[in-house]
PDB file of N, CA and C in Angstrom:
ATOM      1  N   MET A   1       9.749 -18.696 -23.732  1.00  0.00           N
ATOM      2  CA  MET A   1      10.295 -18.113 -22.130  1.00  0.00           C
ATOM      3  C   MET A   1      11.812 -17.932 -22.173  1.00  0.00           C
ATOM      4  N   LYS A   2      12.496 -18.634 -23.052  1.00  0.00           N
ATOM      5  CA  LYS A   2      13.981 -18.608 -23.044  1.00  0.00           C
ATOM      6  C   LYS A   2      14.137 -17.357 -23.483  1.00  0.00           C
ATOM      7  N   ASP A   3      13.731 -16.599 -24.608  1.00  0.00           N
ATOM      8  CA  ASP A   3      13.837 -15.160 -25.015  1.00  0.00           C
ATOM      9  C   ASP A   3      13.631 -14.327 -23.738  1.00  0.00           C
ATOM     10  N   LYS A   4      12.569 -14.500 -22.834  1.00  0.00           N
ATOM     11  CA  LYS A   4      12.184 -13.643 -21.586  1.00  0.00           C
ATOM     12  C   LYS A   4      13.259 -13.702 -20.705  1.00  0.00           C
ATOM     13  N   LEU A   5      13.887 -14.823 -20.449  1.00  0.00           N
ATOM     14  CA  LEU A   5      15.004 -15.015 -19.594  1.00  0.00           C
ATOM     15  C   LEU A   5      16.041 -14.250 -20.078  1.00  0.00           C
ATOM     16  N   ARG A   6      16.571 -14.536 -21.404  1.00  0.00           N
ATOM     17  CA  ARG A   6      17.538 -13.823 -21.942  1.00  0.00           C
ATOM     18  C   ARG A   6      17.422 -12.534 -21.800  1.00  0.00           C
ATOM     19  N   ARG A   7      16.465 -11.743 -22.019  1.00  0.00           N
ATOM     20  CA  ARG A   7      16.201 -10.273 -21.989  1.00  0.00           C
ATOM     21  C   ARG A   7      16.435  -9.716 -20.630  1.00  0.00           C
ATOM     22  N   MET A   8      15.726 -10.567 -19.581  1.00  0.00           N
ATOM     23  CA  MET A   8      16.034 -10.434 -18.028  1.00  0.00           C
ATOM     24  C   MET A   8      17.395 -10.651 -17.622  1.00  0.00           C
ATOM     25  N   LYS A   9      18.254 -11.374 -18.573  1.00  0.00           N
ATOM     26  CA  LYS A   9      19.690 -11.785 -18.175  1.00  0.00           C
ATOM     27  C   LYS A   9      19.699 -12.512 -16.684  1.00  0.00           C
ATOM     28  N   ALA A  10      18.521 -13.368 -16.970  1.00  0.00           N
ATOM     29  CA  ALA A  10      18.327 -14.495 -15.744  1.00  0.00           C
ATOM     30  C   ALA A  10      18.836 -15.905 -16.403  1.00  0.00           C
ATOM     31  N   ASN A  11      18.956 -16.859 -15.245  1.00  0.00           N
ATOM     32  CA  ASN A  11      19.291 -18.003 -15.639  1.00  0.00           C
ATOM     33  C   ASN A  11      18.057 -19.281 -15.561  1.00  0.00           C
ATOM     34  N   PRO A  12      18.106 -20.052 -16.237  1.00  0.00           N
ATOM     35  CA  PRO A  12      16.885 -21.382 -16.262  1.00  0.00           C
ATOM     36  C   PRO A  12      17.176 -21.747 -14.624  1.00  0.00           C
ATOM     37  N   GLY A  13      15.771 -21.642 -14.011  1.00  0.00           N
ATOM     38  CA  GLY A  13      15.654 -22.429 -12.871  1.00  0.00           C
ATOM     39  C   GLY A  13      15.349 -21.000 -11.868  1.00  0.00           C
ATOM     40  N   ASP A  14      15.872 -19.777 -12.365  1.00  0.00           N
ATOM     41  CA  ASP A  14      15.384 -18.677 -11.423  1.00  0.00           C
ATOM     42  C   ASP A  14      13.929 -18.392 -11.590  1.00  0.00           C
ATOM     43  N   LYS A  15      13.729 -18.170  -9.898  1.00  0.00           N
ATOM     44  CA  LYS A  15      12.271 -17.654 -10.016  1.00  0.00           C
ATOM     45  C   LYS A  15      11.974 -16.191 -10.765  1.00  0.00           C
ATOM     46  N   LEU A  16      10.943 -16.406 -11.371  1.00  0.00           N
ATOM     47  CA  LEU A  16      10.748 -15.210 -12.137  1.00  0.00           C
ATOM     48  C   LEU A  16       9.659 -14.381 -11.266  1.00  0.00           C
ATOM     49  N   VAL A  17       9.540 -12.806 -11.232  1.00  0.00           N
ATOM     50  CA  VAL A  17       8.516 -12.263 -10.741  1.00  0.00           C
ATOM     51  C   VAL A  17       7.308 -12.276 -11.481  1.00  0.00           C
ATOM     52  N   GLU A  18       6.133 -12.208 -11.066  1.00  0.00           N
ATOM     53  CA  GLU A  18       5.024 -12.048 -11.898  1.00  0.00           C
ATOM     54  C   GLU A  18       4.813 -10.486 -12.730  1.00  0.00           C
ATOM     55  N   GLN A  19       4.802 -10.546 -13.598  1.00  0.00           N
ATOM     56  CA  GLN A  19       4.625  -9.025 -14.018  1.00  0.00           C
ATOM     57  C   GLN A  19       3.401  -8.552 -14.060  1.00  0.00           C
ATOM     58  N   ASN A  20       3.399  -7.545 -13.152  1.00  0.00           N
ATOM     59  CA  ASN A  20       1.735  -6.926 -13.089  1.00  0.00           C
ATOM     60  C   ASN A  20       2.158  -5.593 -12.429  1.00  0.00           C
ATOM     61  N   CYS A  21       1.139  -4.807 -11.814  1.00  0.00           N
ATOM     62  CA  CYS A  21       1.539  -3.416 -11.456  1.00  0.00           C
ATOM     63  C   CYS A  21       1.707  -3.306 -10.218  1.00  0.00           C
ATOM     64  N   SER A  22       1.398  -4.466  -9.321  1.00  0.00           N
ATOM     65  CA  SER A  22       1.740  -4.518  -8.031  1.00  0.00           C
ATOM     66  C   SER A  22       3.080  -4.728  -7.636  1.00  0.00           C
ATOM     67  N   THR A  23       3.980  -5.356  -8.809  1.00  0.00           N
ATOM     68  CA  THR A  23       5.059  -5.900  -8.722  1.00  0.00           C
ATOM     69  C   THR A  23       6.174  -5.024  -9.292  1.00  0.00           C
ATOM     70  N   CYS A  24       5.471  -3.897  -9.864  1.00  0.00           N
ATOM     71  CA  CYS A  24       6.383  -2.827 -11.073  1.00  0.00           C
ATOM     72  C   CYS A  24       6.960  -1.980 -10.198  1.00  0.00           C
ATOM     73  N   GLU A  25       8.103  -1.608 -10.859  1.00  0.00           N
ATOM     74  CA  GLU A  25       9.160  -0.618  -9.731  1.00  0.00           C
ATOM     75  C   GLU A  25       8.362   0.759 -10.304  1.00  0.00           C
ATOM     76  N   PHE A  26       7.654   1.205 -11.295  1.00  0.00           N
ATOM     77  CA  PHE A  26       7.079   2.609 -11.723  1.00  0.00           C
ATOM     78  C   PHE A  26       5.647   2.478 -10.744  1.00  0.00           C
ATOM     79  N   ASN A  27       5.469   1.642 -10.067  1.00  0.00           N
ATOM     80  CA  ASN A  27       4.089   1.763  -8.931  1.00  0.00           C
ATOM     81  C   ASN A  27       4.684   2.588  -7.906  1.00  0.00           C
ATOM     82  N   PHE A  28       4.016   3.821  -7.849  1.00  0.00           N
ATOM     83  CA  PHE A  28       4.207   4.777  -6.796  1.00  0.00           C
ATOM     84  C   PHE A  28       2.855   4.922  -5.813  1.00  0.00           C
ATOM     85  N   GLY A  29       2.242   3.816  -5.473  1.00  0.00           N
ATOM     86  CA  GLY A  29       1.391   3.490  -4.661  1.00  0.00           C
ATOM     87  C   GLY A  29       0.221   4.234  -5.255  1.00  0.00           C
ATOM     88  N   ASN A  30      -0.155   5.201  -5.416  1.00  0.00           N
ATOM     89  CA  ASN A  30      -1.461   5.734  -5.974  1.00  0.00           C
ATOM     90  C   ASN A  30      -1.567   6.137  -7.462  1.00  0.00           C
ATOM     91  N   VAL A  31      -0.114   6.182  -8.242  1.00  0.00           N
ATOM     92  CA  VAL A  31      -0.165   6.575  -9.404  1.00  0.00           C
ATOM     93  C   VAL A  31       0.670   5.755 -10.172  1.00  0.00           C
ATOM     94  N   CYS A  32       0.947   5.511 -11.326  1.00  0.00           N
ATOM     95  CA  CYS A  32       1.480   4.952 -12.209  1.00  0.00           C
ATOM     96  C   CYS A  32       2.615   5.867 -12.663  1.00  0.00           C
ATOM     97  N   ALA A  33       3.971   5.583 -12.566  1.00  0.00           N
ATOM     98  CA  ALA A  33       5.174   6.608 -12.990  1.00  0.00           C
ATOM     99  C   ALA A  33       6.006   6.043 -14.341  1.00  0.00           C
ATOM    100  N   GLY A  34       5.112   4.793 -14.841  1.00  0.00           N
ATOM    101  CA  GLY A  34       5.942   4.273 -16.090  1.00  0.00           C
ATOM    102  C   GLY A  34       5.426   4.788 -17.152  1.00  0.00           C
ATOM    103  N   HIS A  35       6.180   4.855 -18.184  1.00  0.00           N
ATOM    104  CA  HIS A  35       5.714   5.340 -19.836  1.00  0.00           C
ATOM    105  C   HIS A  35       5.462   4.421 -20.459  1.00  0.00           C
ATOM    106  N   GLY A  36       4.274   4.457 -21.362  1.00  0.00           N
ATOM    107  CA  GLY A  36       3.876   3.657 -22.126  1.00  0.00           C
ATOM    108  C   GLY A  36       2.490   4.209 -22.872  1.00  0.00           C
ATOM    109  N   ALA A  37       1.930   3.201 -23.568  1.00  0.00           N
ATOM    110  CA  ALA A  37       0.585   3.849 -24.043  1.00  0.00           C
ATOM    111  C   ALA A  37      -0.573   3.015 -23.295  1.00  0.00           C
ATOM    112  N   ARG A  38      -1.761   3.829 -23.106  1.00  0.00           N
ATOM    113  CA  ARG A  38      -2.927   3.547 -22.243  1.00  0.00           C
ATOM    114  C   ARG A  38      -3.544   2.440 -23.474  1.00  0.00           C
ATOM    115  N   VAL A  39      -4.266   1.450 -23.372  1.00  0.00           N
ATOM    116  CA  VAL A  39      -5.050   0.758 -24.096  1.00  0.00           C
ATOM    117  C   VAL A  39      -6.237   1.474 -24.506  1.00  0.00           C
ATOM    118  N   ASP A  40      -6.787   2.212 -23.697  1.00  0.00           N
ATOM    119  CA  ASP A  40      -8.079   2.649 -23.700  1.00  0.00           C
ATOM    120  C   ASP A  40      -8.115   4.060 -24.859  1.00  0.00           C
ATOM    121  N   ASN A  41      -7.150   4.968 -24.445  1.00  0.00           N
ATOM    122  CA  ASN A  41      -7.168   6.170 -25.430  1.00  0.00           C
ATOM    123  C   ASN A  41      -5.627   6.362 -26.022  1.00  0.00           C
ATOM    124  N   GLY A  42      -4.644   5.765 -25.936  1.00  0.00           N
ATOM    125  CA  GLY A  42      -3.457   6.009 -26.375  1.00  0.00           C
ATOM    126  C   GLY A  42      -2.405   6.871 -25.765  1.00  0.00           C
ATOM    127  N   LYS A  43      -3.010   7.474 -24.740  1.00  0.00           N
ATOM    128  CA  LYS A  43      -2.240   8.448 -23.777  1.00  0.00           C
ATOM    129  C   LYS A  43      -1.176   8.027 -23.235  1.00  0.00           C
ATOM    130  N   ASP A  44      -0.079   8.735 -22.477  1.00  0.00           N
ATOM    131  CA  ASP A  44       0.852   7.902 -21.684  1.00  0.00           C
ATOM    132  C   ASP A  44       0.326   7.488 -20.563  1.00  0.00           C
ATOM    133  N   THR A  45       0.822   6.557 -19.910  1.00  0.00           N
ATOM    134  CA  THR A  45       0.451   5.951 -18.811  1.00  0.00           C
ATOM    135  C   THR A  45       0.981   6.920 -17.330  1.00  0.00           C
ATOM    136  N   TYR A  46       2.025   7.348 -17.583  1.00  0.00           N
ATOM    137  CA  TYR A  46       2.688   8.404 -16.647  1.00  0.00           C
ATOM    138  C   TYR A  46       1.652   9.123 -15.866  1.00  0.00           C
ATOM    139  N   GLY A  47       1.456   8.967 -14.622  1.00  0.00           N
ATOM    140  CA  GLY A  47       0.224   9.697 -13.746  1.00  0.00           C
ATOM    141  C   GLY A  47      -0.847   9.155 -13.387  1.00  0.00           C
ATOM    142  N   MET A  48      -1.325   8.258 -14.154  1.00  0.00           N
ATOM    143  CA  MET A  48      -2.487   7.452 -14.201  1.00  0.00           C
ATOM    144  C   MET A  48      -2.791   6.869 -13.014  1.00  0.00           C
ATOM    145  N   PRO A  49      -4.046   6.498 -12.261  1.00  0.00           N
ATOM    146  CA  PRO A  49      -4.185   6.029 -11.086  1.00  0.00           C
ATOM    147  C   PRO A  49      -3.761   4.594 -10.960  1.00  0.00           C
ATOM    148  N   MET A  50      -3.270   4.072 -10.348  1.00  0.00           N
ATOM    149  CA  MET A  50      -2.826   2.374 -10.100  1.00  0.00           C
ATOM    150  C   MET A  50      -4.034   1.659 -10.412  1.00  0.00           C
ATOM    151  N   GLU A  51      -5.011   2.195  -9.683  1.00  0.00           N
ATOM    152  CA  GLU A  51      -6.150   1.353  -9.749  1.00  0.00           C
ATOM    153  C   GLU A  51      -6.743   0.986 -11.041  1.00  0.00           C
ATOM    154  N   GLU A  52      -6.677   2.007 -11.861  1.00  0.00           N
ATOM    155  CA  GLU A  52      -7.116   2.047 -13.287  1.00  0.00           C
ATOM    156  C   GLU A  52      -5.937   1.018 -14.297  1.00  0.00           C
ATOM    157  N   ALA A  53      -4.504   1.370 -13.712  1.00  0.00           N
ATOM    158  CA  ALA A  53      -3.490   0.635 -14.415  1.00  0.00           C
ATOM    159  C   ALA A  53      -3.431  -0.785 -14.254  1.00  0.00           C
ATOM    160  N   GLU A  54      -4.030  -1.297 -12.999  1.00  0.00           N
ATOM    161  CA  GLU A  54      -4.030  -2.797 -12.436  1.00  0.00           C
ATOM    162  C   GLU A  54      -4.922  -3.053 -13.244  1.00  0.00           C
ATOM    163  N   LYS A  55      -6.189  -2.698 -13.697  1.00  0.00           N
ATOM    164  CA  LYS A  55      -7.194  -3.535 -14.487  1.00  0.00           C
ATOM    165  C   LYS A  55      -6.862  -3.442 -16.089  1.00  0.00           C
ATOM    166  N   MET A  56      -6.053  -2.464 -16.669  1.00  0.00           N
ATOM    167  CA  MET A  56      -5.727  -2.240 -17.878  1.00  0.00           C
ATOM    168  C   MET A  56      -4.611  -3.187 -18.285  1.00  0.00           C
ATOM    169  N   PHE A  57      -3.527  -3.226 -17.046  1.00  0.00           N
ATOM    170  CA  PHE A  57      -2.403  -3.961 -17.549  1.00  0.00           C
ATOM    171  C   PHE A  57      -2.263  -5.296 -16.532  1.00  0.00           C
ATOM    172  N   LEU A  58      -2.895  -6.198 -16.689  1.00  0.00           N
ATOM    173  CA  LEU A  58      -3.127  -7.498 -15.958  1.00  0.00           C
ATOM    174  C   LEU A  58      -1.610  -8.040 -15.965  1.00  0.00           C
ATOM    175  N   ASP A  59      -1.077  -7.932 -16.971  1.00  0.00           N
ATOM    176  CA  ASP A  59       0.517  -8.973 -17.198  1.00  0.00           C
ATOM    177  C   ASP A  59       1.419  -7.823 -17.321  1.00  0.00           C
ATOM    178  N   GLY A  60       1.159  -6.448 -16.667  1.00  0.00           N
ATOM    179  CA  GLY A  60       2.364  -5.568 -16.977  1.00  0.00           C
ATOM    180  C   GLY A  60       2.198  -4.967 -18.041  1.00  0.00           C
ATOM    181  N   CYS A  61       3.012  -3.674 -18.390  1.00  0.00           N
ATOM    182  CA  CYS A  61       3.238  -3.098 -19.479  1.00  0.00           C
ATOM    183  C   CYS A  61       4.521  -3.166 -20.008  1.00  0.00           C
ATOM    184  N   ASP A  62       4.444  -2.385 -21.386  1.00  0.00           N
ATOM    185  CA  ASP A  62       5.939  -2.689 -21.839  1.00  0.00           C
ATOM    186  C   ASP A  62       7.132  -1.764 -21.104  1.00  0.00           C
ATOM    187  N   ASP A  63       6.587  -1.135 -20.018  1.00  0.00           N
ATOM    188  CA  ASP A  63       7.730  -0.248 -19.258  1.00  0.00           C
ATOM    189  C   ASP A  63       7.910  -1.106 -18.104  1.00  0.00           C
ATOM    190  N   PHE A  64       7.576  -2.372 -17.958  1.00  0.00           N
ATOM    191  CA  PHE A  64       7.776  -3.152 -16.842  1.00  0.00           C
ATOM    192  C   PHE A  64       9.388  -3.669 -16.825  1.00  0.00           C
ATOM    193  N   GLY A  65      10.242  -3.412 -16.088  1.00  0.00           N
ATOM    194  CA  GLY A  65      11.454  -3.876 -15.743  1.00  0.00           C
ATOM    195  C   GLY A  65      12.227  -3.261 -16.664  1.00  0.00           C
ATOM    196  N   LYS A  66      11.994  -1.783 -17.021  1.00  0.00           N
ATOM    197  CA  LYS A  66      13.197  -1.147 -17.734  1.00  0.00           C
ATOM    198  C   LYS A  66      14.039  -0.149 -16.988  1.00  0.00           C
ATOM    199  N   THR A  67      14.051  -0.485 -15.510  1.00  0.00           N
ATOM    200  CA  THR A  67      15.081   0.435 -14.911  1.00  0.00           C
ATOM    201  C   THR A  67      16.321  -0.143 -14.860  1.00  0.00           C
TER     202      THR A  67
END
């Protein structure tokens, strides 16, 4: 947890946002605008339907929080 806080430049005691597709800055409503690798076929996540992304990345993907 400390490493995660350090990467986020957060302080102990800060409330952390749950990492998932619904809280992601790359959630563009119907499509994912993040870049990463899908776990089913290894292709880019950009443009994939959010419904699929939410099922595939329950804890967010590697692109979460990169802006």
